[in-house]
Amino acid sequence: GGRDYDPEELDFIAANRMLLVSSAEIARDLAGAARKIGDRLAGEKVHVSFDIDVLDPAFAPGTEIPSAAGLSTRQALELLRGATERARLVGFDVVEVSPPFDNGDITTLAALKVIFEVWGLVKSAREAGVSELRGKR
């Protein structure tokens, strides 16, 4: 859901053959973007670091560098599900929640929703006998 890039960041992404999916691309085709990420991660062990400022400030104002035109919480959850559907999720964290900027706990609640969603995915995988999150849920 990237939307603000410095030239150095774009150089790093290119040099390390990283996949960049823009928020504009996600807005045009959410399912296609999720599939693109899922294809790249299929079969891989993955640690997801969820940067809360990928969300639009309407959904997560409590971050130090809010940036307009971000994702909704629903879009982010759909991407998370699609990205991990065929990957092996071995770790997860949420970063950039800043309580001093989080009036009304809006950002905290969004972060909790994301964490609970991942817990649900892990629980479903364990109940299916999978030690790491992978495969269809």
N, C-alpha and C. Protein backbone atom coordinates (compact mmCIF):
# COMPACT_ATOMS: atom_id res chain seq x y z
N GLY A 1 0.81 -1.19 0.00
CA GLY A 1 0.00 0.00 0.00
C GLY A 1 0.84 1.25 0.00
N GLY A 2 2.06 1.15 -0.56
CA GLY A 2 2.94 2.30 -0.56
C GLY A 2 2.38 3.47 -1.35
N ARG A 3 2.67 4.69 -0.87
CA ARG A 3 2.20 5.87 -1.58
C ARG A 3 3.16 7.04 -1.52
N ASP A 4 4.14 7.03 -0.64
CA ASP A 4 5.14 8.09 -0.53
C ASP A 4 6.52 7.45 -0.62
N TYR A 5 7.27 7.78 -1.69
CA TYR A 5 8.57 7.15 -1.87
C TYR A 5 9.64 8.21 -2.05
N ASP A 6 10.79 7.98 -1.45
CA ASP A 6 11.98 8.77 -1.71
C ASP A 6 12.76 8.04 -2.81
N PRO A 7 13.55 8.77 -3.61
CA PRO A 7 14.35 8.10 -4.65
C PRO A 7 15.23 6.98 -4.08
N GLU A 8 15.76 7.19 -2.88
CA GLU A 8 16.61 6.17 -2.26
C GLU A 8 15.82 4.90 -1.96
N GLU A 9 14.57 5.07 -1.53
CA GLU A 9 13.73 3.91 -1.24
C GLU A 9 13.44 3.12 -2.51
N LEU A 10 13.14 3.82 -3.60
CA LEU A 10 12.88 3.15 -4.87
C LEU A 10 14.13 2.42 -5.36
N ASP A 11 15.31 3.02 -5.18
CA ASP A 11 16.56 2.36 -5.55
C ASP A 11 16.76 1.09 -4.73
N PHE A 12 16.50 1.16 -3.42
CA PHE A 12 16.64 0.00 -2.54
C PHE A 12 15.68 -1.11 -2.95
N ILE A 13 14.45 -0.75 -3.25
CA ILE A 13 13.44 -1.73 -3.67
C ILE A 13 13.90 -2.43 -4.95
N ALA A 14 14.37 -1.66 -5.92
CA ALA A 14 14.83 -2.24 -7.19
C ALA A 14 16.07 -3.11 -6.99
N ALA A 15 17.04 -2.61 -6.21
CA ALA A 15 18.29 -3.35 -6.00
C ALA A 15 18.07 -4.67 -5.28
N ASN A 16 17.04 -4.74 -4.44
CA ASN A 16 16.78 -5.95 -3.67
C ASN A 16 15.63 -6.77 -4.22
N ARG A 17 15.21 -6.43 -5.44
CA ARG A 17 14.15 -7.17 -6.14
C ARG A 17 12.92 -7.36 -5.27
N MET A 18 12.55 -6.29 -4.57
CA MET A 18 11.37 -6.31 -3.71
C MET A 18 10.13 -6.01 -4.54
N LEU A 19 9.01 -6.50 -4.09
CA LEU A 19 7.74 -6.24 -4.75
C LEU A 19 7.13 -4.98 -4.15
N LEU A 20 6.78 -4.03 -5.00
CA LEU A 20 6.12 -2.80 -4.56
C LEU A 20 4.72 -2.78 -5.16
N VAL A 21 3.73 -2.75 -4.29
CA VAL A 21 2.34 -2.64 -4.72
C VAL A 21 1.83 -1.31 -4.18
N SER A 22 1.48 -0.42 -5.08
CA SER A 22 1.08 0.93 -4.66
C SER A 22 -0.37 0.95 -4.18
N SER A 23 -0.68 1.96 -3.40
CA SER A 23 -2.06 2.11 -2.95
C SER A 23 -2.98 2.38 -4.13
N ALA A 24 -2.47 3.04 -5.18
CA ALA A 24 -3.28 3.27 -6.38
C ALA A 24 -3.61 1.94 -7.06
N GLU A 25 -2.64 1.03 -7.12
CA GLU A 25 -2.87 -0.29 -7.70
C GLU A 25 -3.90 -1.06 -6.88
N ILE A 26 -3.81 -0.96 -5.58
CA ILE A 26 -4.76 -1.64 -4.70
C ILE A 26 -6.16 -1.07 -4.89
N ALA A 27 -6.26 0.26 -5.02
CA ALA A 27 -7.56 0.90 -5.22
C ALA A 27 -8.20 0.44 -6.53
N ARG A 28 -7.38 0.24 -7.57
CA ARG A 28 -7.90 -0.21 -8.87
C ARG A 28 -8.35 -1.67 -8.85
N ASP A 29 -7.57 -2.53 -8.15
CA ASP A 29 -7.84 -3.97 -8.21
C ASP A 29 -7.33 -4.65 -6.94
N LEU A 30 -8.14 -4.59 -5.89
CA LEU A 30 -7.75 -5.15 -4.60
C LEU A 30 -7.47 -6.64 -4.70
N ALA A 31 -8.36 -7.39 -5.33
CA ALA A 31 -8.17 -8.84 -5.45
C ALA A 31 -6.92 -9.17 -6.25
N GLY A 32 -6.68 -8.42 -7.32
CA GLY A 32 -5.48 -8.64 -8.14
C GLY A 32 -4.21 -8.33 -7.37
N ALA A 33 -4.23 -7.26 -6.58
CA ALA A 33 -3.06 -6.91 -5.77
C ALA A 33 -2.79 -7.99 -4.72
N ALA A 34 -3.84 -8.48 -4.08
CA ALA A 34 -3.68 -9.55 -3.08
C ALA A 34 -3.11 -10.81 -3.73
N ARG A 35 -3.60 -11.12 -4.93
CA ARG A 35 -3.11 -12.29 -5.66
C ARG A 35 -1.63 -12.11 -6.03
N LYS A 36 -1.27 -10.90 -6.47
CA LYS A 36 0.12 -10.61 -6.85
C LYS A 36 1.06 -10.81 -5.66
N ILE A 37 0.66 -10.31 -4.50
CA ILE A 37 1.47 -10.48 -3.29
C ILE A 37 1.51 -11.95 -2.89
N GLY A 38 0.34 -12.60 -2.93
CA GLY A 38 0.27 -14.02 -2.58
C GLY A 38 1.13 -14.88 -3.48
N ASP A 39 1.15 -14.57 -4.79
CA ASP A 39 1.99 -15.32 -5.73
C ASP A 39 3.46 -15.19 -5.37
N ARG A 40 3.86 -13.99 -4.99
CA ARG A 40 5.27 -13.75 -4.65
C ARG A 40 5.68 -14.49 -3.37
N LEU A 41 4.75 -14.62 -2.42
CA LEU A 41 5.07 -15.21 -1.12
C LEU A 41 4.73 -16.69 -1.01
N ALA A 42 4.09 -17.25 -2.02
CA ALA A 42 3.64 -18.65 -1.96
C ALA A 42 4.77 -19.60 -1.57
N GLY A 43 4.50 -20.39 -0.53
CA GLY A 43 5.45 -21.39 -0.07
C GLY A 43 6.60 -20.86 0.78
N GLU A 44 6.69 -19.55 0.92
CA GLU A 44 7.79 -18.94 1.68
C GLU A 44 7.42 -18.78 3.15
N LYS A 45 8.44 -18.87 4.01
CA LYS A 45 8.26 -18.48 5.40
C LYS A 45 8.25 -16.96 5.44
N VAL A 46 7.25 -16.40 6.10
CA VAL A 46 7.05 -14.95 6.05
C VAL A 46 6.85 -14.40 7.46
N HIS A 47 7.54 -13.30 7.74
CA HIS A 47 7.26 -12.50 8.93
C HIS A 47 6.64 -11.22 8.41
N VAL A 48 5.43 -10.91 8.83
CA VAL A 48 4.75 -9.69 8.41
C VAL A 48 4.93 -8.63 9.48
N SER A 49 5.47 -7.50 9.06
CA SER A 49 5.54 -6.33 9.93
C SER A 49 4.52 -5.34 9.37
N PHE A 50 3.41 -5.19 10.06
CA PHE A 50 2.30 -4.37 9.59
C PHE A 50 2.49 -2.95 10.10
N ASP A 51 2.85 -2.05 9.20
CA ASP A 51 3.04 -0.65 9.54
C ASP A 51 1.68 0.04 9.48
N ILE A 52 1.18 0.45 10.63
CA ILE A 52 -0.18 0.98 10.73
C ILE A 52 -0.40 2.21 9.86
N ASP A 53 0.68 2.92 9.50
CA ASP A 53 0.46 4.11 8.68
C ASP A 53 0.21 3.79 7.21
N VAL A 54 0.13 2.49 6.87
CA VAL A 54 -0.37 2.11 5.55
C VAL A 54 -1.86 2.44 5.45
N LEU A 55 -2.52 2.53 6.61
CA LEU A 55 -3.93 2.90 6.63
C LEU A 55 -4.09 4.40 6.45
N ASP A 56 -5.17 4.78 5.82
CA ASP A 56 -5.50 6.19 5.67
C ASP A 56 -5.69 6.81 7.05
N PRO A 57 -5.32 8.07 7.24
CA PRO A 57 -5.51 8.71 8.55
C PRO A 57 -6.95 8.68 9.05
N ALA A 58 -7.92 8.51 8.18
CA ALA A 58 -9.31 8.37 8.63
C ALA A 58 -9.48 7.11 9.47
N PHE A 59 -8.65 6.09 9.21
CA PHE A 59 -8.73 4.81 9.92
C PHE A 59 -7.64 4.65 10.97
N ALA A 60 -6.56 5.43 10.84
CA ALA A 60 -5.43 5.33 11.78
C ALA A 60 -4.73 6.69 11.89
N PRO A 61 -5.34 7.63 12.60
CA PRO A 61 -4.72 8.94 12.73
C PRO A 61 -3.55 8.97 13.73
N GLY A 62 -3.47 7.97 14.59
CA GLY A 62 -2.49 7.96 15.67
C GLY A 62 -1.17 7.37 15.28
N THR A 63 -0.51 8.00 14.31
CA THR A 63 0.81 7.59 13.89
C THR A 63 1.62 8.86 13.65
N GLU A 64 2.92 8.76 13.74
CA GLU A 64 3.74 9.97 13.65
C GLU A 64 3.77 10.59 12.27
N ILE A 65 3.59 9.78 11.23
CA ILE A 65 3.64 10.32 9.87
C ILE A 65 2.40 9.86 9.10
N PRO A 66 1.23 10.42 9.41
CA PRO A 66 0.03 10.04 8.66
C PRO A 66 0.13 10.55 7.22
N SER A 67 -0.37 9.77 6.29
CA SER A 67 -0.31 10.15 4.88
C SER A 67 -1.64 9.81 4.23
N ALA A 68 -2.23 10.79 3.58
CA ALA A 68 -3.54 10.61 2.95
C ALA A 68 -3.49 9.60 1.81
N ALA A 69 -4.65 9.11 1.45
CA ALA A 69 -4.84 8.16 0.34
C ALA A 69 -4.33 6.76 0.70
N GLY A 70 -4.40 6.42 1.97
CA GLY A 70 -4.01 5.09 2.40
C GLY A 70 -5.15 4.10 2.28
N LEU A 71 -4.92 2.92 2.79
CA LEU A 71 -5.91 1.85 2.72
C LEU A 71 -6.94 1.99 3.83
N SER A 72 -8.09 1.39 3.61
CA SER A 72 -9.06 1.23 4.70
C SER A 72 -8.64 0.00 5.49
N THR A 73 -9.17 -0.14 6.68
CA THR A 73 -8.88 -1.33 7.48
C THR A 73 -9.34 -2.57 6.75
N ARG A 74 -10.51 -2.52 6.13
CA ARG A 74 -11.04 -3.66 5.38
C ARG A 74 -10.09 -4.05 4.24
N GLN A 75 -9.61 -3.07 3.48
CA GLN A 75 -8.68 -3.37 2.39
C GLN A 75 -7.40 -4.03 2.92
N ALA A 76 -6.88 -3.49 4.00
CA ALA A 76 -5.66 -4.04 4.58
C ALA A 76 -5.85 -5.48 5.03
N LEU A 77 -7.00 -5.78 5.64
CA LEU A 77 -7.28 -7.15 6.09
C LEU A 77 -7.40 -8.09 4.90
N GLU A 78 -8.05 -7.65 3.83
CA GLU A 78 -8.16 -8.49 2.64
C GLU A 78 -6.78 -8.76 2.04
N LEU A 79 -5.93 -7.75 2.00
CA LEU A 79 -4.57 -7.95 1.49
C LEU A 79 -3.79 -8.91 2.39
N LEU A 80 -3.93 -8.75 3.68
CA LEU A 80 -3.24 -9.63 4.63
C LEU A 80 -3.67 -11.08 4.43
N ARG A 81 -4.97 -11.30 4.29
CA ARG A 81 -5.46 -12.67 4.04
C ARG A 81 -4.91 -13.22 2.73
N GLY A 82 -4.99 -12.42 1.67
CA GLY A 82 -4.51 -12.86 0.36
C GLY A 82 -3.02 -13.11 0.34
N ALA A 83 -2.27 -12.27 1.03
CA ALA A 83 -0.82 -12.39 1.03
C ALA A 83 -0.35 -13.62 1.79
N THR A 84 -1.08 -14.02 2.81
CA THR A 84 -0.64 -15.14 3.64
C THR A 84 -1.33 -16.46 3.30
N GLU A 85 -2.25 -16.43 2.36
CA GLU A 85 -3.04 -17.63 2.06
C GLU A 85 -2.18 -18.83 1.68
N ARG A 86 -1.12 -18.59 0.91
CA ARG A 86 -0.26 -19.70 0.47
C ARG A 86 1.15 -19.60 1.05
N ALA A 87 1.36 -18.62 1.91
CA ALA A 87 2.66 -18.46 2.56
C ALA A 87 2.64 -19.16 3.91
N ARG A 88 3.79 -19.20 4.55
CA ARG A 88 3.91 -19.79 5.88
C ARG A 88 4.23 -18.67 6.85
N LEU A 89 3.21 -18.17 7.52
CA LEU A 89 3.37 -17.05 8.44
C LEU A 89 4.05 -17.53 9.71
N VAL A 90 5.27 -17.07 9.94
CA VAL A 90 6.03 -17.50 11.11
C VAL A 90 6.21 -16.39 12.14
N GLY A 91 5.81 -15.17 11.79
CA GLY A 91 5.92 -14.07 12.73
C GLY A 91 5.07 -12.90 12.28
N PHE A 92 4.69 -12.06 13.24
CA PHE A 92 3.83 -10.93 12.93
C PHE A 92 4.00 -9.84 13.98
N ASP A 93 4.05 -8.59 13.52
CA ASP A 93 4.04 -7.47 14.46
C ASP A 93 3.34 -6.29 13.82
N VAL A 94 2.89 -5.37 14.67
CA VAL A 94 2.27 -4.12 14.22
C VAL A 94 3.15 -3.00 14.75
N VAL A 95 3.51 -2.06 13.86
CA VAL A 95 4.39 -0.96 14.25
C VAL A 95 3.77 0.39 13.90
N GLU A 96 4.33 1.42 14.49
CA GLU A 96 4.00 2.83 14.23
C GLU A 96 2.70 3.32 14.86
N VAL A 97 2.13 2.58 15.81
CA VAL A 97 1.00 3.11 16.57
C VAL A 97 1.59 4.08 17.60
N SER A 98 1.08 5.31 17.60
CA SER A 98 1.62 6.33 18.49
C SER A 98 0.51 6.88 19.39
N PRO A 99 0.37 6.33 20.60
CA PRO A 99 -0.71 6.74 21.50
C PRO A 99 -0.85 8.25 21.71
N PRO A 100 0.24 9.04 21.79
CA PRO A 100 0.03 10.47 21.98
C PRO A 100 -0.75 11.15 20.85
N PHE A 101 -0.74 10.56 19.67
CA PHE A 101 -1.45 11.12 18.52
C PHE A 101 -2.79 10.42 18.28
N ASP A 102 -3.15 9.47 19.12
CA ASP A 102 -4.31 8.60 18.87
C ASP A 102 -5.53 9.02 19.69
N ASN A 103 -6.10 10.15 19.35
CA ASN A 103 -7.32 10.61 20.04
C ASN A 103 -8.45 9.62 19.79
N GLY A 104 -9.10 9.20 20.86
CA GLY A 104 -10.22 8.28 20.74
C GLY A 104 -9.82 6.83 20.49
N ASP A 105 -8.54 6.53 20.54
CA ASP A 105 -8.04 5.16 20.36
C ASP A 105 -8.41 4.54 19.02
N ILE A 106 -8.62 5.35 18.00
CA ILE A 106 -9.00 4.85 16.68
C ILE A 106 -7.91 3.95 16.11
N THR A 107 -6.67 4.39 16.20
CA THR A 107 -5.55 3.62 15.65
C THR A 107 -5.32 2.35 16.45
N THR A 108 -5.42 2.46 17.76
CA THR A 108 -5.26 1.29 18.62
C THR A 108 -6.30 0.23 18.29
N LEU A 109 -7.53 0.65 18.08
CA LEU A 109 -8.59 -0.31 17.72
C LEU A 109 -8.33 -0.94 16.36
N ALA A 110 -7.82 -0.17 15.40
CA ALA A 110 -7.48 -0.73 14.09
C ALA A 110 -6.36 -1.76 14.24
N ALA A 111 -5.34 -1.43 15.04
CA ALA A 111 -4.24 -2.36 15.26
C ALA A 111 -4.72 -3.64 15.93
N LEU A 112 -5.60 -3.51 16.91
CA LEU A 112 -6.16 -4.69 17.57
C LEU A 112 -6.96 -5.55 16.60
N LYS A 113 -7.72 -4.93 15.72
CA LYS A 113 -8.49 -5.68 14.72
C LYS A 113 -7.55 -6.50 13.84
N VAL A 114 -6.45 -5.89 13.41
CA VAL A 114 -5.47 -6.60 12.58
C VAL A 114 -4.86 -7.76 13.37
N ILE A 115 -4.48 -7.52 14.61
CA ILE A 115 -3.89 -8.57 15.45
C ILE A 115 -4.88 -9.72 15.67
N PHE A 116 -6.12 -9.39 16.00
CA PHE A 116 -7.14 -10.43 16.20
C PHE A 116 -7.36 -11.24 14.92
N GLU A 117 -7.34 -10.58 13.79
CA GLU A 117 -7.49 -11.29 12.51
C GLU A 117 -6.36 -12.30 12.32
N VAL A 118 -5.14 -11.89 12.59
CA VAL A 118 -4.00 -12.80 12.45
C VAL A 118 -4.11 -13.94 13.45
N TRP A 119 -4.50 -13.65 14.68
CA TRP A 119 -4.71 -14.72 15.66
C TRP A 119 -5.72 -15.73 15.13
N GLY A 120 -6.78 -15.24 14.53
CA GLY A 120 -7.79 -16.13 13.96
C GLY A 120 -7.22 -17.00 12.86
N LEU A 121 -6.39 -16.43 12.00
CA LEU A 121 -5.77 -17.21 10.93
C LEU A 121 -4.85 -18.28 11.50
N VAL A 122 -4.08 -17.92 12.52
CA VAL A 122 -3.17 -18.89 13.15
C VAL A 122 -3.96 -19.98 13.85
N LYS A 123 -5.02 -19.61 14.57
CA LYS A 123 -5.85 -20.60 15.26
C LYS A 123 -6.48 -21.57 14.27
N SER A 124 -6.99 -21.05 13.17
CA SER A 124 -7.59 -21.92 12.15
C SER A 124 -6.56 -22.88 11.58
N ALA A 125 -5.35 -22.38 11.35
CA ALA A 125 -4.30 -23.23 10.81
C ALA A 125 -3.93 -24.32 11.80
N ARG A 126 -3.83 -23.98 13.08
CA ARG A 126 -3.49 -24.98 14.10
C ARG A 126 -4.58 -26.04 14.23
N GLU A 127 -5.84 -25.60 14.18
CA GLU A 127 -6.95 -26.56 14.27
C GLU A 127 -6.95 -27.50 13.07
N ALA A 128 -6.42 -27.03 11.95
CA ALA A 128 -6.33 -27.87 10.76
C ALA A 128 -5.07 -28.73 10.78
N GLY A 129 -4.28 -28.63 11.87
CA GLY A 129 -3.08 -29.45 12.00
C GLY A 129 -1.86 -28.88 11.29
N VAL A 130 -1.87 -27.59 11.01
CA VAL A 130 -0.74 -26.95 10.34
C VAL A 130 0.06 -26.21 11.40
N SER A 131 1.37 -26.50 11.49
CA SER A 131 2.18 -25.87 12.53
C SER A 131 2.49 -24.41 12.22
N GLU A 132 2.57 -24.08 10.95
CA GLU A 132 2.75 -22.70 10.53
C GLU A 132 1.55 -22.35 9.66
N LEU A 133 1.19 -21.11 9.65
CA LEU A 133 0.03 -20.68 8.87
C LEU A 133 0.35 -20.83 7.39
N ARG A 134 -0.39 -21.65 6.71
CA ARG A 134 -0.24 -21.79 5.26
C ARG A 134 -1.46 -22.50 4.72
N GLY A 135 -1.65 -22.42 3.46
CA GLY A 135 -2.76 -23.11 2.82
C GLY A 135 -4.07 -22.38 2.98
N LYS A 136 -5.08 -22.89 2.33
CA LYS A 136 -6.42 -22.28 2.36
C LYS A 136 -7.01 -22.40 3.75
N ARG A 137 -7.78 -21.35 4.12
CA ARG A 137 -8.46 -21.36 5.40
C ARG A 137 -9.94 -21.39 5.15
